[in-house]
C-alpha atoms as a PDB file:
ATOM      1  CA  MET A   1     150.655 -95.911 -55.692  1.00  0.00           C
ATOM      2  CA  GLU A   2     153.140 -93.069 -56.043  1.00  0.00           C
ATOM      3  CA  ARG A   3     154.311 -91.137 -53.072  1.00  0.00           C
ATOM      4  CA  PRO A   4     157.338 -88.705 -53.002  1.00  0.00           C
ATOM      5  CA  SER A   5     160.262 -90.689 -51.555  1.00  0.00           C
ATOM      6  CA  ASP A   6     161.835 -89.273 -48.441  1.00  0.00           C
ATOM      7  CA  GLY A   7     163.241 -92.512 -47.143  1.00  0.00           C
ATOM      8  CA  ARG A   8     160.449 -93.068 -44.666  1.00  0.00           C
ATOM      9  CA  GLY A   9     158.295 -96.149 -44.628  1.00  0.00           C
ATOM     10  CA  VAL A  10     155.349 -98.008 -43.097  1.00  0.00           C
ATOM     11  CA  LEU A  11     155.113 -99.776 -39.733  1.00  0.00           C
ATOM     12  CA  ILE A  12     152.650-102.637 -39.384  1.00  0.00           C
ATOM     13  CA  VAL A  13     151.893-103.242 -35.702  1.00  0.00           C
ATOM     14  CA  GLY A  14     150.744-106.882 -35.473  1.00  0.00           C
ATOM     15  CA  CYS A  15     152.080-108.368 -38.742  1.00  0.00           C
ATOM     16  CA  GLY A  16     150.032-111.527 -38.885  1.00  0.00           C
ATOM     17  CA  PHE A  17     148.201-113.051 -41.848  1.00  0.00           C
ATOM     18  CA  THR A  18     146.900-109.854 -43.329  1.00  0.00           C
ATOM     19  CA  GLY A  19     150.050-107.853 -42.286  1.00  0.00           C
ATOM     20  CA  CYS A  20     152.371-110.103 -44.161  1.00  0.00           C
ATOM     21  CA  PHE A  21     150.408-109.822 -47.444  1.00  0.00           C
ATOM     22  CA  LEU A  22     150.246-106.024 -46.923  1.00  0.00           C
ATOM     23  CA  ALA A  23     154.002-105.912 -46.165  1.00  0.00           C
ATOM     24  CA  GLN A  24     154.741-107.786 -49.424  1.00  0.00           C
ATOM     25  CA  ARG A  25     152.566-105.429 -51.393  1.00  0.00           C
ATOM     26  CA  LEU A  26     154.215-102.268 -49.983  1.00  0.00           C
ATOM     27  CA  ALA A  27     157.736-103.599 -50.116  1.00  0.00           C
ATOM     28  CA  PHE A  28     157.364-104.712 -53.789  1.00  0.00           C
ATOM     29  CA  ARG A  29     156.617-101.036 -54.611  1.00  0.00           C
ATOM     30  CA  GLY A  30     159.827 -99.985 -52.865  1.00  0.00           C
ATOM     31  CA  ASP A  31     158.533 -98.707 -49.486  1.00  0.00           C
ATOM     32  CA  PRO A  32     160.653 -99.563 -46.405  1.00  0.00           C
ATOM     33  CA  VAL A  33     158.318-101.777 -44.332  1.00  0.00           C
ATOM     34  CA  PHE A  34     158.613-102.873 -40.719  1.00  0.00           C
ATOM     35  CA  GLY A  35     156.390-105.447 -39.027  1.00  0.00           C
ATOM     36  CA  THR A  36     156.080-106.262 -35.371  1.00  0.00           C
ATOM     37  CA  THR A  37     155.608-109.845 -34.113  1.00  0.00           C
ATOM     38  CA  ARG A  38     155.974-111.813 -30.876  1.00  0.00           C
ATOM     39  CA  SER A  39     157.405-114.769 -32.704  1.00  0.00           C
ATOM     40  CA  GLU A  40     160.825-115.332 -34.250  1.00  0.00           C
ATOM     41  CA  GLU A  41     159.253-117.856 -36.585  1.00  0.00           C
ATOM     42  CA  ARG A  42     156.768-115.251 -37.811  1.00  0.00           C
ATOM     43  CA  GLY A  43     159.753-112.883 -38.145  1.00  0.00           C
ATOM     44  CA  LEU A  44     161.191-115.182 -40.720  1.00  0.00           C
ATOM     45  CA  VAL A  45     157.955-114.951 -42.696  1.00  0.00           C
ATOM     46  CA  ILE A  46     157.940-111.130 -42.489  1.00  0.00           C
ATOM     47  CA  SER A  47     161.521-111.105 -43.766  1.00  0.00           C
ATOM     48  CA  SER A  48     160.557-113.316 -46.757  1.00  0.00           C
ATOM     49  CA  ARG A  49     157.932-110.742 -47.687  1.00  0.00           C
ATOM     50  CA  GLY A  50     160.613-108.020 -47.972  1.00  0.00           C
ATOM     51  CA  ALA A  51     159.985-106.299 -44.651  1.00  0.00           C
ATOM     52  CA  GLU A  52     162.081-105.977 -41.508  1.00  0.00           C
ATOM     53  CA  PRO A  53     160.704-107.861 -38.486  1.00  0.00           C
ATOM     54  CA  ILE A  54     160.659-106.299 -35.022  1.00  0.00           C
ATOM     55  CA  LEU A  55     160.098-108.533 -31.986  1.00  0.00           C
ATOM     56  CA  MET A  56     157.692-106.930 -29.588  1.00  0.00           C
ATOM     57  CA  ASP A  57     154.961-107.997 -27.235  1.00  0.00           C
ATOM     58  CA  ALA A  58     152.135-106.178 -25.455  1.00  0.00           C
ATOM     59  CA  GLY A  59     154.119-105.827 -22.303  1.00  0.00           C
ATOM     60  CA  ASP A  60     156.851-103.675 -23.881  1.00  0.00           C
ATOM     61  CA  VAL A  61     156.325-101.722 -27.005  1.00  0.00           C
ATOM     62  CA  SER A  62     159.655 -99.818 -26.715  1.00  0.00           C
ATOM     63  CA  PRO A  63     161.331-101.828 -29.539  1.00  0.00           C
ATOM     64  CA  ILE A  64     159.531 -99.590 -32.049  1.00  0.00           C
ATOM     65  CA  ASP A  65     161.022 -96.417 -30.572  1.00  0.00           C
ATOM     66  CA  ARG A  66     164.080 -96.627 -32.792  1.00  0.00           C
ATOM     67  CA  LEU A  67     161.752 -96.021 -35.840  1.00  0.00           C
ATOM     68  CA  ARG A  68     160.777 -92.560 -34.755  1.00  0.00           C
ATOM     69  CA  GLY A  69     161.471 -90.225 -37.725  1.00  0.00           C
ATOM     70  CA  ARG A  70     161.606 -93.145 -40.249  1.00  0.00           C
ATOM     71  CA  ILE A  71     157.843 -93.799 -40.608  1.00  0.00           C
ATOM     72  CA  TYR A  72     155.157 -91.978 -42.489  1.00  0.00           C
ATOM     73  CA  GLY A  73     152.299 -94.455 -42.115  1.00  0.00           C
ATOM     74  CA  VAL A  74     151.221 -96.896 -39.391  1.00  0.00           C
ATOM     75  CA  VAL A  75     148.840 -99.810 -39.663  1.00  0.00           C
ATOM     76  CA  LEU A  76     147.553-101.073 -36.327  1.00  0.00           C
ATOM     77  CA  SER A  77     146.439-104.691 -36.608  1.00  0.00           C
ATOM     78  CA  VAL A  78     146.470-105.869 -33.014  1.00  0.00           C
ATOM     79  CA  PRO A  79     143.170-107.372 -31.710  1.00  0.00           C
ATOM     80  CA  PRO A  80     142.157-106.783 -28.107  1.00  0.00           C
ATOM     81  CA  GLN A  81     143.196-109.612 -25.831  1.00  0.00           C
ATOM     82  CA  MET A  82     140.891-111.176 -23.299  1.00  0.00           C
ATOM     83  CA  ALA A  83     142.161-111.007 -19.639  1.00  0.00           C
ATOM     84  CA  ARG A  84     141.459-113.666 -17.046  1.00  0.00           C
ATOM     85  CA  ASP A  85     138.611-111.675 -15.556  1.00  0.00           C
ATOM     86  CA  GLY A  86     136.843-111.654 -18.995  1.00  0.00           C
ATOM     87  CA  SER A  87     137.654-107.994 -19.790  1.00  0.00           C
ATOM     88  CA  TYR A  88     139.585-106.942 -22.810  1.00  0.00           C
ATOM     89  CA  GLU A  89     143.062-105.387 -22.749  1.00  0.00           C
ATOM     90  CA  ASP A  90     144.622-103.404 -25.519  1.00  0.00           C
ATOM     91  CA  ILE A  91     147.887-101.584 -26.233  1.00  0.00           C
ATOM     92  CA  THR A  92     146.437 -99.061 -28.639  1.00  0.00           C
ATOM     93  CA  GLU A  93     146.492 -96.193 -26.189  1.00  0.00           C
ATOM     94  CA  SER A  94     150.173 -96.619 -25.278  1.00  0.00           C
ATOM     95  CA  LEU A  95     150.969 -96.872 -28.985  1.00  0.00           C
ATOM     96  CA  THR A  96     149.063 -93.733 -30.048  1.00  0.00           C
ATOM     97  CA  ARG A  97     150.723 -91.720 -27.249  1.00  0.00           C
ATOM     98  CA  ARG A  98     154.093 -92.676 -28.754  1.00  0.00           C
ATOM     99  CA  PHE A  99     152.967 -91.852 -32.339  1.00  0.00           C
ATOM    100  CA  ALA A 100     151.952 -88.345 -31.317  1.00  0.00           C
ATOM    101  CA  SER A 101     155.555 -87.165 -31.820  1.00  0.00           C
ATOM    102  CA  TRP A 102     156.231 -89.173 -35.036  1.00  0.00           C
ATOM    103  CA  ASN A 103     154.834 -86.690 -37.550  1.00  0.00           C
ATOM    104  CA  LEU A 104     152.710 -89.364 -39.205  1.00  0.00           C
ATOM    105  CA  GLU A 105     150.880 -88.725 -42.457  1.00  0.00           C
ATOM    106  CA  SER A 106     148.343 -91.472 -41.832  1.00  0.00           C
ATOM    107  CA  LEU A 107     147.433 -94.161 -39.336  1.00  0.00           C
ATOM    108  CA  VAL A 108     144.988 -96.995 -40.138  1.00  0.00           C
ATOM    109  CA  TYR A 109     143.356 -99.106 -37.441  1.00  0.00           C
ATOM    110  CA  ILE A 110     142.189-102.539 -38.590  1.00  0.00           C
ATOM    111  CA  SER A 111     138.902-103.158 -36.638  1.00  0.00           C
ATOM    112  CA  SER A 112     136.142-105.678 -37.355  1.00  0.00           C
ATOM    113  CA  THR A 113     132.600-105.751 -38.624  1.00  0.00           C
ATOM    114  CA  SER A 114     131.644-107.225 -35.236  1.00  0.00           C
ATOM    115  CA  VAL A 115     131.049-103.599 -34.151  1.00  0.00           C
ATOM    116  CA  TYR A 116     127.687-103.692 -36.069  1.00  0.00           C
ATOM    117  CA  GLY A 117     126.232-106.613 -34.114  1.00  0.00           C
ATOM    118  CA  ASP A 118     123.351-108.512 -35.559  1.00  0.00           C
ATOM    119  CA  GLN A 119     121.428-106.418 -38.082  1.00  0.00           C
ATOM    120  CA  ALA A 120     118.731-109.099 -38.744  1.00  0.00           C
ATOM    121  CA  GLY A 121     119.653-109.304 -42.447  1.00  0.00           C
ATOM    122  CA  ALA A 122     119.440-105.493 -43.015  1.00  0.00           C
ATOM    123  CA  VAL A 123     122.032-103.555 -44.974  1.00  0.00           C
ATOM    124  CA  ALA A 124     124.902-102.013 -43.032  1.00  0.00           C
ATOM    125  CA  THR A 125     127.318 -99.411 -44.463  1.00  0.00           C
ATOM    126  CA  GLU A 126     130.257 -97.326 -43.234  1.00  0.00           C
ATOM    127  CA  HIS A 127     127.728 -94.911 -41.659  1.00  0.00           C
ATOM    128  CA  THR A 128     125.361 -97.428 -40.013  1.00  0.00           C
ATOM    129  CA  GLU A 129     125.027 -96.991 -36.240  1.00  0.00           C
ATOM    130  CA  CYS A 130     126.987 -99.622 -34.417  1.00  0.00           C
ATOM    131  CA  ASP A 131     125.348-101.852 -31.865  1.00  0.00           C
ATOM    132  CA  PRO A 132     127.824-104.653 -30.955  1.00  0.00           C
ATOM    133  CA  ASP A 133     126.325-107.752 -29.329  1.00  0.00           C
ATOM    134  CA  SER A 134     129.561-109.500 -28.264  1.00  0.00           C
ATOM    135  CA  PRO A 135     132.298-108.544 -25.793  1.00  0.00           C
ATOM    136  CA  ARG A 136     134.875-108.531 -28.597  1.00  0.00           C
ATOM    137  CA  GLY A 137     132.694-106.257 -30.704  1.00  0.00           C
ATOM    138  CA  ARG A 138     132.170-103.785 -27.853  1.00  0.00           C
ATOM    139  CA  ALA A 139     135.994-103.792 -27.283  1.00  0.00           C
ATOM    140  CA  ARG A 140     136.648-103.158 -30.934  1.00  0.00           C
ATOM    141  CA  LEU A 141     134.248-100.203 -30.987  1.00  0.00           C
ATOM    142  CA  ALA A 142     135.810 -98.643 -27.961  1.00  0.00           C
ATOM    143  CA  ILE A 143     139.242 -98.857 -29.659  1.00  0.00           C
ATOM    144  CA  GLU A 144     137.956 -97.335 -32.862  1.00  0.00           C
ATOM    145  CA  ARG A 145     136.650 -94.257 -30.922  1.00  0.00           C
ATOM    146  CA  GLN A 146     139.947 -94.018 -29.086  1.00  0.00           C
ATOM    147  CA  VAL A 147     141.965 -94.036 -32.304  1.00  0.00           C
ATOM    148  CA  LEU A 148     139.787 -91.569 -34.077  1.00  0.00           C
ATOM    149  CA  GLY A 149     139.881 -89.302 -31.071  1.00  0.00           C
ATOM    150  CA  SER A 150     143.645 -89.503 -30.639  1.00  0.00           C
ATOM    151  CA  GLY A 151     144.446 -86.308 -32.606  1.00  0.00           C
ATOM    152  CA  LEU A 152     146.457 -88.364 -35.123  1.00  0.00           C
ATOM    153  CA  PRO A 153     145.658 -88.482 -38.928  1.00  0.00           C
ATOM    154  CA  ALA A 154     143.778 -91.756 -38.123  1.00  0.00           C
ATOM    155  CA  MET A 155     141.267 -93.843 -40.031  1.00  0.00           C
ATOM    156  CA  VAL A 156     139.474 -97.136 -39.393  1.00  0.00           C
ATOM    157  CA  VAL A 157     139.098 -99.992 -41.776  1.00  0.00           C
ATOM    158  CA  ARG A 158     136.416-102.667 -40.873  1.00  0.00           C
ATOM    159  CA  PRO A 159     137.087-105.940 -42.604  1.00  0.00           C
ATOM    160  CA  SER A 160     134.475-108.709 -42.741  1.00  0.00           C
ATOM    161  CA  GLY A 161     135.620-112.329 -42.695  1.00  0.00           C
ATOM    162  CA  ILE A 162     139.205-112.369 -44.028  1.00  0.00           C
ATOM    163  CA  TYR A 163     140.233-115.346 -46.250  1.00  0.00           C
ATOM    164  CA  GLY A 164     143.008-116.041 -48.701  1.00  0.00           C
ATOM    165  CA  PRO A 165     145.794-118.461 -49.652  1.00  0.00           C
ATOM    166  CA  GLY A 166     146.301-121.141 -47.045  1.00  0.00           C
ATOM    167  CA  ARG A 167     143.383-119.834 -44.885  1.00  0.00           C
ATOM    168  CA  SER A 168     139.797-120.054 -46.125  1.00  0.00           C
ATOM    169  CA  GLN A 169     136.455-121.795 -45.726  1.00  0.00           C
ATOM    170  CA  LEU A 170     137.819-124.487 -48.013  1.00  0.00           C
ATOM    171  CA  HIS A 171     140.613-125.317 -45.673  1.00  0.00           C
ATOM    172  CA  ARG A 172     138.171-125.338 -42.710  1.00  0.00           C
ATOM    173  CA  ALA A 173     135.852-127.727 -44.456  1.00  0.00           C
ATOM    174  CA  ALA A 174     138.717-130.003 -45.453  1.00  0.00           C
ATOM    175  CA  ARG A 175     139.850-130.199 -41.808  1.00  0.00           C
ATOM    176  CA  GLY A 176     136.210-130.916 -40.692  1.00  0.00           C
ATOM    177  CA  HIS A 177     135.816-127.544 -38.892  1.00  0.00           C
ATOM    178  CA  HIS A 178     133.048-126.142 -41.093  1.00  0.00           C
ATOM    179  CA  ARG A 179     129.844-125.828 -39.135  1.00  0.00           C
ATOM    180  CA  LEU A 180     126.367-124.444 -39.756  1.00  0.00           C
ATOM    181  CA  VAL A 181     124.128-123.216 -36.893  1.00  0.00           C
ATOM    182  CA  ALA A 182     120.343-123.184 -37.254  1.00  0.00           C
ATOM    183  CA  GLY A 183     120.498-124.335 -40.932  1.00  0.00           C
ATOM    184  CA  GLY A 184     122.973-121.648 -42.072  1.00  0.00           C
ATOM    185  CA  ALA A 185     120.327-119.025 -42.905  1.00  0.00           C
ATOM    186  CA  SER A 186     122.404-116.106 -41.604  1.00  0.00           C
ATOM    187  CA  ILE A 187     123.767-113.690 -44.260  1.00  0.00           C
ATOM    188  CA  THR A 188     127.573-113.559 -44.069  1.00  0.00           C
ATOM    189  CA  ASN A 189     130.199-111.351 -45.609  1.00  0.00           C
ATOM    190  CA  ARG A 190     133.816-111.834 -46.506  1.00  0.00           C
ATOM    191  CA  ILE A 191     136.892-110.122 -48.092  1.00  0.00           C
ATOM    192  CA  HIS A 192     139.807-111.731 -49.841  1.00  0.00           C
ATOM    193  CA  VAL A 193     143.070-110.692 -48.198  1.00  0.00           C
ATOM    194  CA  ASP A 194     144.389-109.254 -51.509  1.00  0.00           C
ATOM    195  CA  ASP A 195     141.390-106.895 -51.721  1.00  0.00           C
ATOM    196  CA  LEU A 196     141.680-106.027 -48.036  1.00  0.00           C
ATOM    197  CA  CYS A 197     145.349-105.077 -48.503  1.00  0.00           C
ATOM    198  CA  GLN A 198     144.310-102.971 -51.500  1.00  0.00           C
ATOM    199  CA  ILE A 199     141.833-101.053 -49.314  1.00  0.00           C
ATOM    200  CA  ILE A 200     144.328-100.602 -46.443  1.00  0.00           C
ATOM    201  CA  ASP A 201     146.988 -99.412 -48.984  1.00  0.00           C
ATOM    202  CA  HIS A 202     144.595 -96.872 -50.548  1.00  0.00           C
ATOM    203  CA  ALA A 203     143.462 -95.647 -47.099  1.00  0.00           C
ATOM    204  CA  LEU A 204     147.153 -95.079 -46.147  1.00  0.00           C
ATOM    205  CA  HIS A 205     147.750 -92.969 -49.158  1.00  0.00           C
ATOM    206  CA  ARG A 206     144.437 -91.592 -50.256  1.00  0.00           C
ATOM    207  CA  GLY A 207     142.246 -91.839 -47.138  1.00  0.00           C
ATOM    208  CA  GLU A 208     140.741 -88.931 -45.319  1.00  0.00           C
ATOM    209  CA  PRO A 209     141.623 -88.762 -41.633  1.00  0.00           C
ATOM    210  CA  GLY A 210     138.630 -89.323 -39.435  1.00  0.00           C
ATOM    211  CA  SER A 211     136.986 -91.635 -41.925  1.00  0.00           C
ATOM    212  CA  THR A 212     135.798 -95.165 -41.338  1.00  0.00           C
ATOM    213  CA  TYR A 213     136.012 -97.602 -44.309  1.00  0.00           C
ATOM    214  CA  LEU A 214     134.284-100.893 -44.896  1.00  0.00           C
ATOM    215  CA  ALA A 215     136.266-103.790 -46.433  1.00  0.00           C
ATOM    216  CA  SER A 216     133.809-106.420 -47.747  1.00  0.00           C
ATOM    217  CA  ASP A 217     133.122-107.962 -51.127  1.00  0.00           C
ATOM    218  CA  ALA A 218     130.119-107.071 -53.273  1.00  0.00           C
ATOM    219  CA  ALA A 219     128.072-110.285 -52.660  1.00  0.00           C
ATOM    220  CA  PRO A 220     126.726-110.948 -49.179  1.00  0.00           C
ATOM    221  CA  SER A 221     125.539-114.640 -49.076  1.00  0.00           C
ATOM    222  CA  THR A 222     123.967-117.003 -46.637  1.00  0.00           C
ATOM    223  CA  GLN A 223     126.168-119.535 -44.898  1.00  0.00           C
ATOM    224  CA  ARG A 224     124.237-122.265 -46.694  1.00  0.00           C
ATOM    225  CA  GLU A 225     125.023-120.830 -50.095  1.00  0.00           C
ATOM    226  CA  VAL A 226     128.763-120.902 -49.431  1.00  0.00           C
ATOM    227  CA  SER A 227     128.546-124.377 -47.909  1.00  0.00           C
ATOM    228  CA  ASP A 228     126.693-125.728 -50.943  1.00  0.00           C
ATOM    229  CA  TYR A 229     129.293-124.208 -53.266  1.00  0.00           C
ATOM    230  CA  MET A 230     132.068-125.933 -51.306  1.00  0.00           C
ATOM    231  CA  GLY A 231     130.154-129.170 -51.482  1.00  0.00           C
ATOM    232  CA  SER A 232     129.989-128.791 -55.276  1.00  0.00           C
ATOM    233  CA  LEU A 233     133.835-128.940 -55.263  1.00  0.00           C
ATOM    234  CA  GLY A 234     133.766-132.230 -53.398  1.00  0.00           C
ATOM    235  CA  LEU A 235     134.461-130.923 -49.902  1.00  0.00           C
ATOM    236  CA  PRO A 236     132.956-132.590 -46.843  1.00  0.00           C
ATOM    237  CA  GLY A 237     129.535-131.297 -45.666  1.00  0.00           C
ATOM    238  CA  PRO A 238     129.217-129.051 -42.643  1.00  0.00           C
ATOM    239  CA  ASN A 239     128.593-130.019 -39.035  1.00  0.00           C
ATOM    240  CA  GLU A 240     125.020-129.043 -38.493  1.00  0.00           C
ATOM    241  CA  ILE A 241     124.362-127.601 -35.000  1.00  0.00           C
ATOM    242  CA  PRO A 242     120.838-126.703 -33.700  1.00  0.00           C
ATOM    243  CA  LEU A 243     120.589-123.253 -32.223  1.00  0.00           C
ATOM    244  CA  GLU A 244     119.731-124.574 -28.742  1.00  0.00           C
ATOM    245  CA  GLU A 245     122.848-126.680 -28.707  1.00  0.00           C
ATOM    246  CA  ALA A 246     125.022-123.844 -30.067  1.00  0.00           C
ATOM    247  CA  ARG A 247     123.893-121.571 -27.161  1.00  0.00           C
ATOM    248  CA  VAL A 248     125.268-124.091 -24.734  1.00  0.00           C
ATOM    249  CA  ARG A 249     128.419-125.257 -26.491  1.00  0.00           C
ATOM    250  CA  LEU A 250     129.855-122.179 -28.257  1.00  0.00           C
ATOM    251  CA  ASP A 251     131.638-119.062 -26.898  1.00  0.00           C
ATOM    252  CA  LYS A 252     129.581-115.910 -26.960  1.00  0.00           C
ATOM    253  CA  ASN A 253     131.904-114.265 -29.458  1.00  0.00           C
ATOM    254  CA  VAL A 254     131.769-117.332 -31.774  1.00  0.00           C
ATOM    255  CA  LEU A 255     128.031-117.646 -31.562  1.00  0.00           C
ATOM    256  CA  ALA A 256     127.533-113.956 -32.342  1.00  0.00           C
ATOM    257  CA  MET A 257     129.764-114.317 -35.330  1.00  0.00           C
ATOM    258  CA  LEU A 258     127.869-117.375 -36.629  1.00  0.00           C
ATOM    259  CA  MET A 259     124.380-115.959 -36.008  1.00  0.00           C
ATOM    260  CA  GLY A 260     124.887-112.339 -36.885  1.00  0.00           C
ATOM    261  CA  SER A 261     123.031-111.618 -40.121  1.00  0.00           C
ATOM    262  CA  LYS A 262     123.776-108.474 -42.110  1.00  0.00           C
ATOM    263  CA  ARG A 263     124.346-107.356 -45.774  1.00  0.00           C
ATOM    264  CA  LEU A 264     127.465-105.232 -45.815  1.00  0.00           C
ATOM    265  CA  ASP A 265     127.645-102.649 -48.527  1.00  0.00           C
ATOM    266  CA  GLY A 266     131.166-101.172 -48.936  1.00  0.00           C
ATOM    267  CA  SER A 267     130.490 -99.348 -52.185  1.00  0.00           C
ATOM    268  CA  TRP A 268     131.103 -95.946 -50.526  1.00  0.00           C
ATOM    269  CA  THR A 269     134.564 -97.096 -49.494  1.00  0.00           C
ATOM    270  CA  ARG A 270     135.366 -98.463 -52.913  1.00  0.00           C
ATOM    271  CA  GLU A 271     134.268 -95.293 -54.629  1.00  0.00           C
ATOM    272  CA  ARG A 272     136.059 -92.900 -52.248  1.00  0.00           C
ATOM    273  CA  LEU A 273     139.326 -94.887 -52.358  1.00  0.00           C
ATOM    274  CA  GLY A 274     139.273 -95.863 -55.977  1.00  0.00           C
ATOM    275  CA  VAL A 275     139.243 -99.577 -55.319  1.00  0.00           C
ATOM    276  CA  THR A 276     138.161-102.223 -57.837  1.00  0.00           C
ATOM    277  CA  LEU A 277     137.752-105.631 -56.184  1.00  0.00           C
ATOM    278  CA  ARG A 278     139.768-108.428 -57.667  1.00  0.00           C
ATOM    279  CA  TYR A 279     137.464-110.930 -55.959  1.00  0.00           C
ATOM    280  CA  PRO A 280     133.980-109.433 -55.887  1.00  0.00           C
ATOM    281  CA  ASP A 281     132.233-112.486 -54.532  1.00  0.00           C
ATOM    282  CA  TYR A 282     132.918-115.822 -52.759  1.00  0.00           C
ATOM    283  CA  ARG A 283     132.836-117.789 -55.954  1.00  0.00           C
ATOM    284  CA  ALA A 284     135.638-115.689 -57.473  1.00  0.00           C
ATOM    285  CA  GLY A 285     137.767-115.765 -54.272  1.00  0.00           C
ATOM    286  CA  LEU A 286     137.354-119.339 -53.237  1.00  0.00           C
ATOM    287  CA  GLY A 287     137.476-120.521 -56.844  1.00  0.00           C
ATOM    288  CA  ALA A 288     140.888-118.931 -57.317  1.00  0.00           C
ATOM    289  CA  ILE A 289     142.115-120.580 -54.090  1.00  0.00           C
ATOM    290  CA  TRP A 290     140.741-123.954 -55.204  1.00  0.00           C
ATOM    291  CA  GLU A 291     142.411-123.599 -58.594  1.00  0.00           C
ATOM    292  CA  ARG A 292     145.794-123.043 -57.046  1.00  0.00           C
ATOM    293  CA  GLU A 293     145.584-125.147 -53.852  1.00  0.00           C
ATOM    294  CA  SER A 294     143.225-127.995 -54.488  1.00  0.00           C
ATOM    295  CA  PRO A 295     145.957-130.661 -54.156  1.00  0.00           C
ATOM    296  CA  GLU A 296     146.913-129.390 -50.725  1.00  0.00           C
ATOM    297  CA  ILE A 297     143.307-128.940 -49.703  1.00  0.00           C
ATOM    298  CA  LYS A 298     142.416-132.502 -50.814  1.00  0.00           C
ATOM    299  CA  ALA A 299     145.388-133.717 -48.803  1.00  0.00           C
ATOM    300  CA  LEU A 300     143.817-132.251 -45.608  1.00  0.00           C
ATOM    301  CA  ILE A 301     140.826-134.446 -46.223  1.00  0.00           C
ATOM    302  CA  THR A 302     142.984-137.511 -46.688  1.00  0.00           C
ATOM    303  CA  ASP A 303     144.938-136.725 -43.554  1.00  0.00           C
ATOM    304  CA  ARG A 304     141.662-136.952 -41.529  1.00  0.00           C
ATOM    305  CA  SER A 305     140.743-140.387 -42.882  1.00  0.00           C
END
């Protein structure tokens, strides 16, 4: 995606799983890319993707100050953290205050589809009214509003369940961590990390400030459908958990994620940003991972025996 070169680059605050794939995509195109992390080990991964790591934690965000004047776009990918009292803490406000003097062209906050809450199987789009039913979802929605009201050229991207190389439902099943609550009838949604990075990239360079974009593939599916597909590949079956037991055993955020049922429709986002999904459904995405990583995934099953 062409942009007149003025030597400025992109800062990814919270350069984790998605951030590293995005950094690689942007750096390959020639953009200077910087990614923050709390871990020196993660810093090595960021470097391997062609970006410059910046060690920073939530208690002190000053390490990014040296980048003022060198950045045209920011991606905020820092989830709210739960405090001991059960409330959620976030560094977004302190960051947006800093960015006010950076002359940014775009800022993208990576939120979550947990802001919708349970839609009882109904369709949800970028414009559906949010009604979060988990503490994390409510925290995410509050941050979205804060970012969009900051006065910066800000946008929000809401990804559904993110998966990709090395991290997918296939890996969870192989490790014995795949579970179905109440028979797996809930409708779920997901996005391959490559397609998510494509959407973030297009939002940075083509997005309209004030907009909210939805990053999800084109095929909402029940948990059972995805589970049966993984079983057809020879992966272990799920741990079946009755709803009554799940209400006792599981964290509220986890239970809301497993039981929330909605059909996400991100066609408006794809049309507005000019995105064509590489992996339009779970079979395409998981199938590609299985084709490349099946020996490693099978080894995870053997390690459990």
